[in-house]
N, C-alpha and C. Protein backbone atom coordinates (compact mmCIF):
# COMPACT_ATOMS: atom_id res chain seq x y z
N UNK A 1 138.34 128.14 117.60
CA UNK A 1 139.66 127.58 117.90
C UNK A 1 140.10 128.08 119.26
N UNK A 2 140.20 127.23 120.25
CA UNK A 2 140.53 127.66 121.59
C UNK A 2 141.98 128.08 121.72
N UNK A 3 142.24 128.72 122.82
CA UNK A 3 143.59 129.18 123.10
C UNK A 3 143.83 129.00 124.58
N UNK A 4 145.08 128.95 125.02
CA UNK A 4 145.34 128.71 126.43
C UNK A 4 146.64 129.36 126.84
N UNK A 5 146.77 129.56 128.14
CA UNK A 5 147.95 130.24 128.67
C UNK A 5 149.20 129.40 128.58
N UNK A 6 149.09 128.09 128.69
CA UNK A 6 150.27 127.29 128.88
C UNK A 6 150.23 126.06 128.01
N UNK A 7 151.40 125.54 127.68
CA UNK A 7 151.37 124.38 126.82
C UNK A 7 152.47 123.39 127.14
N UNK A 8 153.71 123.78 126.94
CA UNK A 8 154.77 122.79 126.97
C UNK A 8 155.78 123.08 128.05
N UNK A 9 156.73 122.18 128.19
CA UNK A 9 157.70 122.34 129.26
C UNK A 9 159.07 122.77 128.75
N UNK A 10 159.14 123.44 127.63
CA UNK A 10 160.39 124.06 127.23
C UNK A 10 160.83 125.00 128.34
N UNK A 11 162.11 125.00 128.63
CA UNK A 11 162.61 125.85 129.69
C UNK A 11 162.97 125.06 130.92
N UNK A 12 162.43 123.86 131.07
CA UNK A 12 162.84 123.00 132.16
C UNK A 12 164.20 122.39 131.87
N UNK A 13 164.59 122.42 130.61
CA UNK A 13 165.86 121.82 130.24
C UNK A 13 166.45 122.60 129.08
N UNK A 14 167.75 122.62 128.97
CA UNK A 14 168.44 123.25 127.87
C UNK A 14 168.82 122.18 126.87
N UNK A 15 168.62 122.46 125.58
CA UNK A 15 168.98 121.50 124.55
C UNK A 15 169.94 122.15 123.58
N UNK A 16 171.08 121.53 123.29
CA UNK A 16 172.08 122.15 122.41
C UNK A 16 171.65 122.11 120.96
N UNK A 17 172.14 123.05 120.22
CA UNK A 17 171.89 123.07 118.78
C UNK A 17 173.00 122.33 118.07
N UNK A 18 172.66 121.51 117.09
CA UNK A 18 173.62 120.89 116.21
C UNK A 18 173.53 121.57 114.86
N UNK A 19 174.80 121.05 114.51
CA UNK A 19 174.84 121.73 113.24
C UNK A 19 173.88 121.10 112.13
N UNK A 20 158.76 127.78 100.04
CA UNK A 20 158.03 128.48 98.95
C UNK A 20 157.76 129.90 99.38
N UNK A 21 158.05 130.96 98.73
CA UNK A 21 158.00 132.32 99.26
C UNK A 21 156.60 132.68 99.71
N UNK A 22 156.44 133.38 100.89
CA UNK A 22 155.13 133.81 101.33
C UNK A 22 154.59 134.92 100.45
N UNK A 23 153.26 135.15 100.53
CA UNK A 23 152.65 136.23 99.77
C UNK A 23 153.21 137.55 100.26
N UNK A 24 153.23 138.52 99.37
CA UNK A 24 153.85 139.80 99.71
C UNK A 24 153.21 140.44 100.92
N UNK A 25 151.88 140.29 101.06
CA UNK A 25 151.19 140.94 102.16
C UNK A 25 151.50 140.28 103.49
N UNK A 26 152.07 139.09 103.47
CA UNK A 26 152.36 138.37 104.70
C UNK A 26 153.86 138.22 104.95
N UNK A 27 154.68 138.83 104.10
CA UNK A 27 156.13 138.69 104.22
C UNK A 27 156.63 139.43 105.46
N UNK A 28 157.47 138.75 106.23
CA UNK A 28 158.11 139.35 107.39
C UNK A 28 159.61 139.24 107.19
N UNK A 29 160.32 140.30 107.45
CA UNK A 29 161.76 140.32 107.26
C UNK A 29 162.46 139.34 108.18
N UNK A 30 163.64 138.89 107.74
CA UNK A 30 164.46 138.05 108.61
C UNK A 30 164.80 138.81 109.89
N UNK A 31 164.73 140.12 109.84
CA UNK A 31 165.00 140.93 111.02
C UNK A 31 163.78 141.08 111.90
N UNK A 32 162.77 140.22 111.70
CA UNK A 32 161.51 140.31 112.44
C UNK A 32 161.68 140.40 113.96
N UNK A 33 162.69 139.73 114.58
CA UNK A 33 162.81 139.83 116.03
C UNK A 33 162.99 141.25 116.54
N UNK A 34 163.41 142.19 115.71
CA UNK A 34 163.58 143.56 116.17
C UNK A 34 162.30 144.37 116.05
N UNK A 35 161.25 143.77 115.51
CA UNK A 35 160.02 144.49 115.28
C UNK A 35 159.18 144.62 116.55
N UNK A 36 158.42 145.71 116.61
CA UNK A 36 157.39 145.89 117.62
C UNK A 36 156.08 145.97 116.86
N UNK A 37 155.12 145.15 117.26
CA UNK A 37 153.89 145.02 116.47
C UNK A 37 152.67 145.12 117.37
N UNK A 38 151.71 145.91 116.97
CA UNK A 38 150.41 146.01 117.66
C UNK A 38 149.45 145.04 117.00
N UNK A 39 148.85 144.14 117.78
CA UNK A 39 147.92 143.16 117.24
C UNK A 39 146.60 143.25 117.99
N UNK A 40 145.53 142.82 117.32
CA UNK A 40 144.19 142.84 117.91
C UNK A 40 143.73 141.41 118.19
N UNK A 41 143.20 141.20 119.37
CA UNK A 41 142.72 139.90 119.77
C UNK A 41 141.26 139.71 119.37
N UNK A 42 140.72 138.54 119.64
CA UNK A 42 139.36 138.21 119.20
C UNK A 42 138.30 139.14 119.78
N UNK A 43 138.55 139.64 120.98
CA UNK A 43 137.55 140.50 121.62
C UNK A 43 137.75 141.97 121.26
N UNK A 44 138.72 142.25 120.38
CA UNK A 44 138.95 143.62 119.94
C UNK A 44 140.01 144.37 120.72
N UNK A 45 140.46 143.85 121.86
CA UNK A 45 141.50 144.55 122.62
C UNK A 45 142.85 144.39 121.91
N UNK A 46 143.77 145.29 122.23
CA UNK A 46 145.06 145.31 121.55
C UNK A 46 146.18 144.97 122.52
N UNK A 47 147.19 144.29 121.99
CA UNK A 47 148.42 144.04 122.75
C UNK A 47 149.59 144.32 121.82
N UNK A 48 150.72 144.62 122.41
CA UNK A 48 151.94 144.86 121.66
C UNK A 48 152.87 143.66 121.80
N UNK A 49 153.39 143.20 120.67
CA UNK A 49 154.32 142.07 120.66
C UNK A 49 155.70 142.59 120.27
N UNK A 50 156.69 142.15 121.00
CA UNK A 50 158.07 142.55 120.70
C UNK A 50 159.02 141.44 121.15
N UNK A 51 160.28 141.50 120.75
CA UNK A 51 161.26 140.49 121.17
C UNK A 51 161.50 140.52 122.67
N UNK A 52 161.71 139.36 123.26
CA UNK A 52 162.09 139.29 124.66
C UNK A 52 163.58 139.61 124.79
N UNK A 53 163.94 140.27 125.86
CA UNK A 53 165.34 140.61 126.13
C UNK A 53 165.67 140.26 127.58
N UNK A 54 166.95 140.32 127.90
CA UNK A 54 167.38 140.02 129.27
C UNK A 54 166.76 140.99 130.27
N UNK A 55 166.46 142.21 129.83
CA UNK A 55 165.87 143.19 130.72
C UNK A 55 164.43 142.84 131.11
N UNK A 56 163.83 141.89 130.40
CA UNK A 56 162.45 141.50 130.71
C UNK A 56 162.36 140.47 131.83
N UNK A 57 163.50 140.00 132.34
CA UNK A 57 163.47 138.91 133.33
C UNK A 57 162.61 139.23 134.56
N UNK A 58 162.72 140.42 135.18
CA UNK A 58 161.87 140.70 136.34
C UNK A 58 160.38 140.67 136.00
N UNK A 59 160.01 141.24 134.85
CA UNK A 59 158.61 141.24 134.45
C UNK A 59 158.13 139.83 134.14
N UNK A 60 158.98 139.02 133.52
CA UNK A 60 158.62 137.64 133.25
C UNK A 60 158.45 136.85 134.54
N UNK A 61 159.29 137.11 135.53
CA UNK A 61 159.17 136.43 136.81
C UNK A 61 157.83 136.77 137.46
N UNK A 62 157.45 138.03 137.44
CA UNK A 62 156.16 138.43 138.01
C UNK A 62 155.00 137.83 137.23
N UNK A 63 155.13 137.82 135.92
CA UNK A 63 154.08 137.26 135.06
C UNK A 63 153.87 135.77 135.34
N UNK A 64 154.94 135.00 135.37
CA UNK A 64 154.82 133.56 135.60
C UNK A 64 154.31 133.26 137.01
N UNK A 65 154.77 134.05 137.99
CA UNK A 65 154.31 133.86 139.36
C UNK A 65 152.82 134.18 139.49
N UNK A 66 152.34 135.05 138.61
CA UNK A 66 150.94 135.46 138.67
C UNK A 66 149.98 134.50 137.99
N UNK A 67 150.49 133.52 137.25
CA UNK A 67 149.61 132.52 136.64
C UNK A 67 148.98 131.67 137.74
N UNK A 68 147.75 131.25 137.53
CA UNK A 68 147.09 130.40 138.51
C UNK A 68 147.82 129.06 138.59
N UNK A 69 147.62 128.34 139.68
CA UNK A 69 148.33 127.08 139.90
C UNK A 69 148.06 126.07 138.79
N UNK A 70 146.83 126.02 138.31
CA UNK A 70 146.51 125.07 137.24
C UNK A 70 147.24 125.43 135.96
N UNK A 71 147.33 126.71 135.66
CA UNK A 71 148.06 127.14 134.47
C UNK A 71 149.53 126.78 134.57
N UNK A 72 150.10 126.99 135.76
CA UNK A 72 151.51 126.63 135.94
C UNK A 72 151.72 125.12 135.86
N UNK A 73 150.78 124.35 136.38
CA UNK A 73 150.90 122.89 136.29
C UNK A 73 150.88 122.43 134.84
N UNK A 74 149.98 122.99 134.06
CA UNK A 74 149.90 122.60 132.65
C UNK A 74 151.14 123.05 131.88
N UNK A 75 151.67 124.19 132.25
CA UNK A 75 152.83 124.72 131.54
C UNK A 75 154.11 123.97 131.88
N UNK A 76 154.34 123.75 133.18
CA UNK A 76 155.60 123.16 133.62
C UNK A 76 155.47 121.72 134.10
N UNK A 77 154.26 121.18 134.00
CA UNK A 77 153.96 119.80 134.43
C UNK A 77 154.11 119.62 135.93
N UNK A 78 154.11 120.72 136.68
CA UNK A 78 154.18 120.68 138.13
C UNK A 78 153.74 122.03 138.67
N UNK A 79 153.14 122.04 139.88
CA UNK A 79 152.77 123.32 140.50
C UNK A 79 153.95 123.90 141.26
N UNK A 80 155.03 123.13 141.38
CA UNK A 80 156.20 123.57 142.15
C UNK A 80 157.33 124.04 141.24
N UNK A 81 156.99 124.59 140.10
CA UNK A 81 158.02 125.05 139.16
C UNK A 81 158.84 126.18 139.77
N UNK A 82 160.11 126.22 139.41
CA UNK A 82 161.00 127.29 139.83
C UNK A 82 160.78 128.48 138.90
N UNK A 83 159.96 129.42 139.35
CA UNK A 83 159.57 130.55 138.51
C UNK A 83 160.77 131.42 138.17
N UNK A 84 161.67 131.61 139.10
CA UNK A 84 162.86 132.44 138.83
C UNK A 84 163.72 131.82 137.73
N UNK A 85 163.90 130.52 137.80
CA UNK A 85 164.68 129.83 136.77
C UNK A 85 163.97 129.91 135.42
N UNK A 86 162.66 129.73 135.44
CA UNK A 86 161.90 129.79 134.20
C UNK A 86 161.96 131.18 133.58
N UNK A 87 161.89 132.22 134.40
CA UNK A 87 161.96 133.59 133.90
C UNK A 87 163.33 133.88 133.32
N UNK A 88 164.38 133.39 133.96
CA UNK A 88 165.73 133.58 133.44
C UNK A 88 165.87 132.93 132.07
N UNK A 89 165.34 131.70 131.94
CA UNK A 89 165.38 131.02 130.65
C UNK A 89 164.59 131.80 129.60
N UNK A 90 163.41 132.27 129.98
CA UNK A 90 162.54 132.96 129.03
C UNK A 90 163.17 134.25 128.52
N UNK A 91 164.00 134.88 129.35
CA UNK A 91 164.63 136.15 128.96
C UNK A 91 165.96 135.94 128.25
N UNK A 92 166.41 134.70 128.16
CA UNK A 92 167.70 134.43 127.53
C UNK A 92 167.63 134.64 126.03
N UNK A 93 168.74 135.07 125.46
CA UNK A 93 168.82 135.26 124.01
C UNK A 93 170.01 134.46 123.48
N UNK A 94 169.97 134.16 122.19
CA UNK A 94 171.07 133.42 121.58
C UNK A 94 170.70 133.00 120.18
N UNK A 95 171.68 132.50 119.45
CA UNK A 95 171.46 132.11 118.07
C UNK A 95 170.52 130.91 117.95
N UNK A 96 170.40 130.13 119.01
CA UNK A 96 169.59 128.90 118.95
C UNK A 96 168.19 129.08 119.50
N UNK A 97 167.79 130.31 119.78
CA UNK A 97 166.48 130.52 120.38
C UNK A 97 165.91 131.87 119.99
N UNK A 98 164.61 132.00 120.21
CA UNK A 98 163.95 133.27 119.94
C UNK A 98 162.75 133.37 120.87
N UNK A 99 162.57 134.52 121.48
CA UNK A 99 161.44 134.72 122.38
C UNK A 99 160.68 135.98 122.03
N UNK A 100 159.39 135.96 122.24
CA UNK A 100 158.53 137.12 122.04
C UNK A 100 157.71 137.34 123.30
N UNK A 101 157.47 138.60 123.62
CA UNK A 101 156.57 138.90 124.73
C UNK A 101 155.44 139.79 124.23
N UNK A 102 154.34 139.77 124.95
CA UNK A 102 153.20 140.62 124.65
C UNK A 102 152.87 141.42 125.90
N UNK A 103 152.59 142.70 125.73
CA UNK A 103 152.15 143.50 126.87
C UNK A 103 150.93 144.31 126.50
N UNK A 104 150.12 144.62 127.49
CA UNK A 104 148.87 145.32 127.23
C UNK A 104 149.12 146.82 127.08
N UNK A 105 148.03 147.58 126.99
CA UNK A 105 148.16 149.01 126.72
C UNK A 105 148.80 149.77 127.88
N UNK A 106 148.82 149.15 129.06
CA UNK A 106 149.45 149.80 130.22
C UNK A 106 150.90 149.37 130.40
N UNK A 107 151.38 148.46 129.54
CA UNK A 107 152.75 148.00 129.62
C UNK A 107 152.94 146.75 130.45
N UNK A 108 151.85 146.17 130.96
CA UNK A 108 151.94 144.95 131.77
C UNK A 108 152.13 143.75 130.86
N UNK A 109 153.08 142.89 131.19
CA UNK A 109 153.36 141.70 130.39
C UNK A 109 152.21 140.71 130.53
N UNK A 110 151.67 140.27 129.39
CA UNK A 110 150.50 139.38 129.42
C UNK A 110 150.70 138.10 128.61
N UNK A 111 151.86 137.94 127.97
CA UNK A 111 152.10 136.72 127.20
C UNK A 111 153.55 136.57 126.83
N UNK A 112 153.96 135.32 126.63
CA UNK A 112 155.33 135.03 126.24
C UNK A 112 155.34 133.74 125.43
N UNK A 113 156.17 133.68 124.42
CA UNK A 113 156.37 132.45 123.66
C UNK A 113 157.82 132.40 123.24
N UNK A 114 158.35 131.19 123.11
CA UNK A 114 159.75 131.04 122.73
C UNK A 114 159.97 129.69 122.08
N UNK A 115 161.02 129.64 121.27
CA UNK A 115 161.48 128.34 120.78
C UNK A 115 162.97 128.21 121.07
N UNK A 116 163.41 126.97 121.19
CA UNK A 116 164.83 126.67 121.31
C UNK A 116 165.14 125.57 120.30
N UNK A 117 166.17 125.79 119.53
CA UNK A 117 166.49 124.88 118.43
C UNK A 117 167.03 123.56 118.94
N UNK A 118 166.53 122.46 118.35
CA UNK A 118 166.96 121.12 118.72
C UNK A 118 168.03 120.60 117.76
N UNK A 119 167.89 120.93 116.48
CA UNK A 119 168.87 120.57 115.47
C UNK A 119 168.72 121.57 114.33
N UNK A 120 169.26 121.26 113.18
CA UNK A 120 169.25 122.23 112.09
C UNK A 120 167.87 122.61 111.58
N UNK A 121 166.88 121.72 111.76
CA UNK A 121 165.56 121.97 111.16
C UNK A 121 164.41 121.93 112.16
N UNK A 122 164.68 121.61 113.42
CA UNK A 122 163.60 121.49 114.39
C UNK A 122 163.87 122.35 115.62
N UNK A 123 162.78 122.83 116.21
CA UNK A 123 162.88 123.60 117.44
C UNK A 123 161.68 123.26 118.32
N UNK A 124 161.89 123.33 119.63
CA UNK A 124 160.81 123.10 120.58
C UNK A 124 160.20 124.44 120.97
N UNK A 125 158.88 124.48 121.05
CA UNK A 125 158.17 125.74 121.26
C UNK A 125 157.32 125.67 122.52
N UNK A 126 157.15 126.81 123.17
CA UNK A 126 156.31 126.92 124.36
C UNK A 126 155.65 128.29 124.38
N UNK A 127 154.51 128.38 125.06
CA UNK A 127 153.77 129.65 125.12
C UNK A 127 153.04 129.75 126.45
N UNK A 128 152.95 130.97 126.96
CA UNK A 128 152.15 131.25 128.15
C UNK A 128 151.35 132.53 127.91
N UNK A 129 150.13 132.55 128.39
CA UNK A 129 149.26 133.72 128.26
C UNK A 129 148.60 133.97 129.61
N UNK A 130 148.45 135.22 129.97
CA UNK A 130 147.80 135.57 131.24
C UNK A 130 146.43 134.91 131.34
N UNK A 131 146.08 134.51 132.55
CA UNK A 131 144.84 133.76 132.76
C UNK A 131 143.61 134.46 132.17
N UNK A 132 143.51 135.77 132.35
CA UNK A 132 142.30 136.47 131.92
C UNK A 132 142.22 136.66 130.41
N UNK A 133 143.30 136.30 129.69
CA UNK A 133 143.28 136.43 128.24
C UNK A 133 143.13 135.08 127.52
N UNK A 134 142.76 134.04 128.24
CA UNK A 134 142.52 132.75 127.58
C UNK A 134 141.41 132.90 126.54
N UNK A 135 141.51 132.10 125.49
CA UNK A 135 140.47 132.00 124.46
C UNK A 135 140.31 133.26 123.62
N UNK A 136 141.30 134.13 123.62
CA UNK A 136 141.20 135.35 122.80
C UNK A 136 142.17 135.35 121.63
N UNK A 137 142.95 134.28 121.49
CA UNK A 137 143.81 134.15 120.33
C UNK A 137 145.24 134.58 120.50
N UNK A 138 145.63 135.05 121.69
CA UNK A 138 146.98 135.57 121.85
C UNK A 138 148.03 134.47 121.71
N UNK A 139 147.77 133.30 122.30
CA UNK A 139 148.72 132.20 122.17
C UNK A 139 148.95 131.81 120.73
N UNK A 140 147.87 131.73 119.96
CA UNK A 140 147.96 131.39 118.54
C UNK A 140 148.79 132.44 117.79
N UNK A 141 148.55 133.70 118.09
CA UNK A 141 149.28 134.78 117.42
C UNK A 141 150.78 134.70 117.75
N UNK A 142 151.11 134.45 119.01
CA UNK A 142 152.52 134.37 119.39
C UNK A 142 153.23 133.20 118.70
N UNK A 143 152.58 132.04 118.66
CA UNK A 143 153.18 130.89 117.98
C UNK A 143 153.33 131.18 116.50
N UNK A 144 152.33 131.80 115.92
CA UNK A 144 152.38 132.11 114.48
C UNK A 144 153.53 133.06 114.16
N UNK A 145 153.71 134.12 115.00
CA UNK A 145 154.80 135.06 114.77
C UNK A 145 156.16 134.37 114.94
N UNK A 146 156.26 133.47 115.91
CA UNK A 146 157.51 132.72 116.09
C UNK A 146 157.78 131.83 114.89
N UNK A 147 156.73 131.23 114.34
CA UNK A 147 156.89 130.33 113.20
C UNK A 147 157.41 131.09 111.98
N UNK A 148 156.96 132.33 111.80
CA UNK A 148 157.47 133.15 110.70
C UNK A 148 158.99 133.32 110.83
N UNK A 149 159.42 133.68 112.03
CA UNK A 149 160.84 133.89 112.28
C UNK A 149 161.63 132.60 112.08
N UNK A 150 161.10 131.52 112.66
CA UNK A 150 161.79 130.23 112.57
C UNK A 150 161.94 129.77 111.13
N UNK A 151 160.87 129.90 110.34
CA UNK A 151 160.92 129.46 108.95
C UNK A 151 162.00 130.21 108.19
N UNK A 152 162.10 131.49 108.40
CA UNK A 152 163.09 132.27 107.69
C UNK A 152 164.51 132.03 108.19
N UNK A 153 164.63 131.35 109.31
CA UNK A 153 165.94 130.94 109.82
C UNK A 153 166.27 129.50 109.45
N UNK A 154 165.44 128.90 108.63
CA UNK A 154 165.71 127.55 108.15
C UNK A 154 165.12 126.44 109.00
N UNK A 155 164.36 126.78 110.04
CA UNK A 155 163.70 125.78 110.87
C UNK A 155 162.39 125.39 110.20
N UNK A 156 162.20 124.11 109.98
CA UNK A 156 161.01 123.65 109.25
C UNK A 156 159.92 123.09 110.15
N UNK A 157 160.29 122.66 111.37
CA UNK A 157 159.32 122.02 112.25
C UNK A 157 159.42 122.56 113.67
N UNK A 158 158.27 122.74 114.30
CA UNK A 158 158.17 122.96 115.73
C UNK A 158 157.70 121.67 116.38
N UNK A 159 158.19 121.37 117.56
CA UNK A 159 157.65 120.29 118.37
C UNK A 159 157.30 120.87 119.73
N UNK A 160 156.31 120.25 120.38
CA UNK A 160 155.88 120.71 121.70
C UNK A 160 155.48 119.51 122.54
N UNK A 161 155.85 119.55 123.81
CA UNK A 161 155.43 118.53 124.76
C UNK A 161 154.21 119.07 125.50
N UNK A 162 153.10 118.34 125.43
CA UNK A 162 151.83 118.81 125.98
C UNK A 162 151.20 117.70 126.81
N UNK A 163 150.62 118.04 127.96
CA UNK A 163 149.89 117.07 128.73
C UNK A 163 148.62 116.66 127.97
N UNK A 164 148.28 115.38 128.02
CA UNK A 164 147.14 114.88 127.26
C UNK A 164 145.85 115.55 127.68
N UNK A 165 145.76 116.01 128.92
CA UNK A 165 144.54 116.66 129.41
C UNK A 165 144.44 118.11 128.97
N UNK A 166 145.51 118.63 128.40
CA UNK A 166 145.52 120.03 127.97
C UNK A 166 144.88 120.13 126.58
N UNK A 167 143.57 119.86 126.54
CA UNK A 167 142.87 119.79 125.27
C UNK A 167 142.90 121.12 124.51
N UNK A 168 142.83 122.21 125.23
CA UNK A 168 142.81 123.52 124.57
C UNK A 168 144.09 123.77 123.80
N UNK A 169 145.24 123.43 124.41
CA UNK A 169 146.50 123.67 123.73
C UNK A 169 146.69 122.71 122.57
N UNK A 170 146.28 121.47 122.77
CA UNK A 170 146.34 120.50 121.67
C UNK A 170 145.51 120.98 120.50
N UNK A 171 144.34 121.56 120.79
CA UNK A 171 143.48 122.07 119.72
C UNK A 171 144.12 123.25 119.00
N UNK A 172 144.84 124.09 119.74
CA UNK A 172 145.54 125.22 119.10
C UNK A 172 146.51 124.70 118.04
N UNK A 173 147.29 123.70 118.42
CA UNK A 173 148.28 123.15 117.49
C UNK A 173 147.60 122.41 116.33
N UNK A 174 146.57 121.63 116.62
CA UNK A 174 145.94 120.83 115.57
C UNK A 174 145.05 121.67 114.66
N UNK A 175 144.20 122.49 115.25
CA UNK A 175 143.24 123.25 114.45
C UNK A 175 143.85 124.49 113.82
N UNK A 176 144.82 125.09 114.50
CA UNK A 176 145.43 126.29 113.96
C UNK A 176 146.54 126.02 112.98
N UNK A 177 147.33 124.96 113.24
CA UNK A 177 148.55 124.73 112.46
C UNK A 177 148.59 123.34 111.82
N UNK A 178 147.51 122.59 111.91
CA UNK A 178 147.49 121.20 111.41
C UNK A 178 148.58 120.36 112.05
N UNK A 179 148.87 120.62 113.32
CA UNK A 179 149.85 119.82 114.04
C UNK A 179 149.34 118.42 114.28
N UNK A 180 150.25 117.49 114.52
CA UNK A 180 149.86 116.10 114.76
C UNK A 180 150.66 115.52 115.91
N UNK A 181 150.02 114.63 116.64
CA UNK A 181 150.69 113.96 117.75
C UNK A 181 151.59 112.87 117.17
N UNK A 182 152.88 112.92 117.48
CA UNK A 182 153.81 111.94 116.93
C UNK A 182 154.33 110.97 117.99
N UNK A 183 154.03 111.26 119.28
CA UNK A 183 154.48 110.36 120.33
C UNK A 183 153.57 110.49 121.53
N UNK A 184 153.26 109.35 122.15
CA UNK A 184 152.50 109.31 123.40
C UNK A 184 153.32 108.57 124.44
N UNK A 185 153.55 109.21 125.56
CA UNK A 185 154.31 108.58 126.63
C UNK A 185 153.69 108.98 127.96
N UNK A 186 152.96 108.04 128.58
CA UNK A 186 152.25 108.36 129.80
C UNK A 186 151.25 109.48 129.55
N UNK A 187 151.25 110.51 130.40
CA UNK A 187 150.31 111.62 130.22
C UNK A 187 150.78 112.67 129.21
N UNK A 188 151.97 112.48 128.64
CA UNK A 188 152.54 113.48 127.74
C UNK A 188 152.30 113.14 126.27
N UNK A 189 152.13 114.18 125.49
CA UNK A 189 151.99 114.05 124.04
C UNK A 189 153.01 114.95 123.37
N UNK A 190 153.70 114.43 122.37
CA UNK A 190 154.61 115.25 121.57
C UNK A 190 153.89 115.62 120.29
N UNK A 191 153.73 116.91 120.07
CA UNK A 191 153.05 117.42 118.89
C UNK A 191 154.09 118.02 117.94
N UNK A 192 153.91 117.79 116.66
CA UNK A 192 154.80 118.34 115.63
C UNK A 192 153.98 119.14 114.64
N UNK A 193 154.51 120.29 114.23
CA UNK A 193 153.84 121.11 113.22
C UNK A 193 154.88 121.77 112.33
N UNK A 194 154.48 122.07 111.12
CA UNK A 194 155.36 122.77 110.19
C UNK A 194 155.39 124.25 110.52
N UNK A 195 156.57 124.85 110.50
CA UNK A 195 156.62 126.29 110.71
C UNK A 195 155.92 127.04 109.57
N UNK A 196 155.88 126.45 108.39
CA UNK A 196 155.16 127.07 107.27
C UNK A 196 153.66 127.15 107.54
N UNK A 197 153.20 126.45 108.59
CA UNK A 197 151.78 126.48 108.94
C UNK A 197 151.32 127.83 109.47
N UNK A 198 152.24 128.78 109.65
CA UNK A 198 151.82 130.10 110.11
C UNK A 198 150.85 130.75 109.13
N UNK A 199 151.00 130.45 107.84
CA UNK A 199 150.08 131.03 106.86
C UNK A 199 148.66 130.51 107.09
N UNK A 200 148.57 129.21 107.34
CA UNK A 200 147.27 128.60 107.61
C UNK A 200 146.66 129.18 108.88
N UNK A 201 147.47 129.30 109.93
CA UNK A 201 146.97 129.83 111.20
C UNK A 201 146.48 131.26 111.04
N UNK A 202 147.21 132.06 110.28
CA UNK A 202 146.80 133.46 110.08
C UNK A 202 145.51 133.54 109.29
N UNK A 203 145.39 132.70 108.28
CA UNK A 203 144.16 132.69 107.48
C UNK A 203 142.97 132.25 108.32
N UNK A 204 143.16 131.21 109.12
CA UNK A 204 142.05 130.70 109.94
C UNK A 204 141.66 131.69 111.02
N UNK A 205 142.65 132.36 111.60
CA UNK A 205 142.34 133.37 112.61
C UNK A 205 141.53 134.49 111.99
N UNK A 206 141.91 134.89 110.76
CA UNK A 206 141.16 135.92 110.06
C UNK A 206 139.73 135.49 109.76
N UNK A 207 139.55 134.23 109.40
CA UNK A 207 138.20 133.72 109.12
C UNK A 207 137.33 133.77 110.38
N UNK A 208 137.92 133.43 111.53
CA UNK A 208 137.18 133.48 112.78
C UNK A 208 136.74 134.90 113.08
N UNK A 209 137.62 135.85 112.80
CA UNK A 209 137.29 137.25 113.05
C UNK A 209 136.15 137.71 112.14
N UNK A 210 136.17 137.29 110.88
CA UNK A 210 135.11 137.69 109.96
C UNK A 210 133.77 137.07 110.37
N UNK A 211 133.80 135.84 110.84
CA UNK A 211 132.57 135.19 111.29
C UNK A 211 131.99 135.92 112.49
N UNK A 212 132.86 136.37 113.38
CA UNK A 212 132.39 137.10 114.55
C UNK A 212 131.70 138.41 114.13
N UNK A 213 132.29 139.08 113.13
CA UNK A 213 131.70 140.34 112.67
C UNK A 213 130.35 140.13 112.04
N UNK A 214 130.20 139.01 111.31
CA UNK A 214 128.90 138.70 110.69
C UNK A 214 127.86 138.39 111.76
């Protein structure tokens, strides 16, 4: 199951919000955004995941600026994205959104994912991962952790806008979460997935790890 640094164009625009229990071993508290979690990627390296805060804006700006031009084009649908504006959005907090960041063992920011609520049951999701960490599962892990939080907040669906050529990100949504394309408009695809799909993604990620060990 491939993974990629960039996927959707959440953050280019602000959208206003309108007005079955998991297994015990996989239960995450509603207070999950306050958690700091150490996770292991496919190659065995470790990263720490924690909630994004306003204090992360400078690090997010450096992180986004450090993505290669192709990664930025796929993420923002243009190579001329306003990185400062995107970093400010990524560091924003509020009742209608949730962001997570990942940093390596040296404290360098290597990944970010966020959702912003569209209505009572749907939210738009986006993810970015450092170029050198592509295909190691970090994007999938970040989306999965966000889905846990979203589900417990009453959000049932994630949607994402993805370029049709971004096959790796489309595969993450389809193969990891059973996401489906619900709209095609020019080069863009709108993908929808259930937030409850985090269980499936976690199980499949675990299966991939066991196959690697064998």
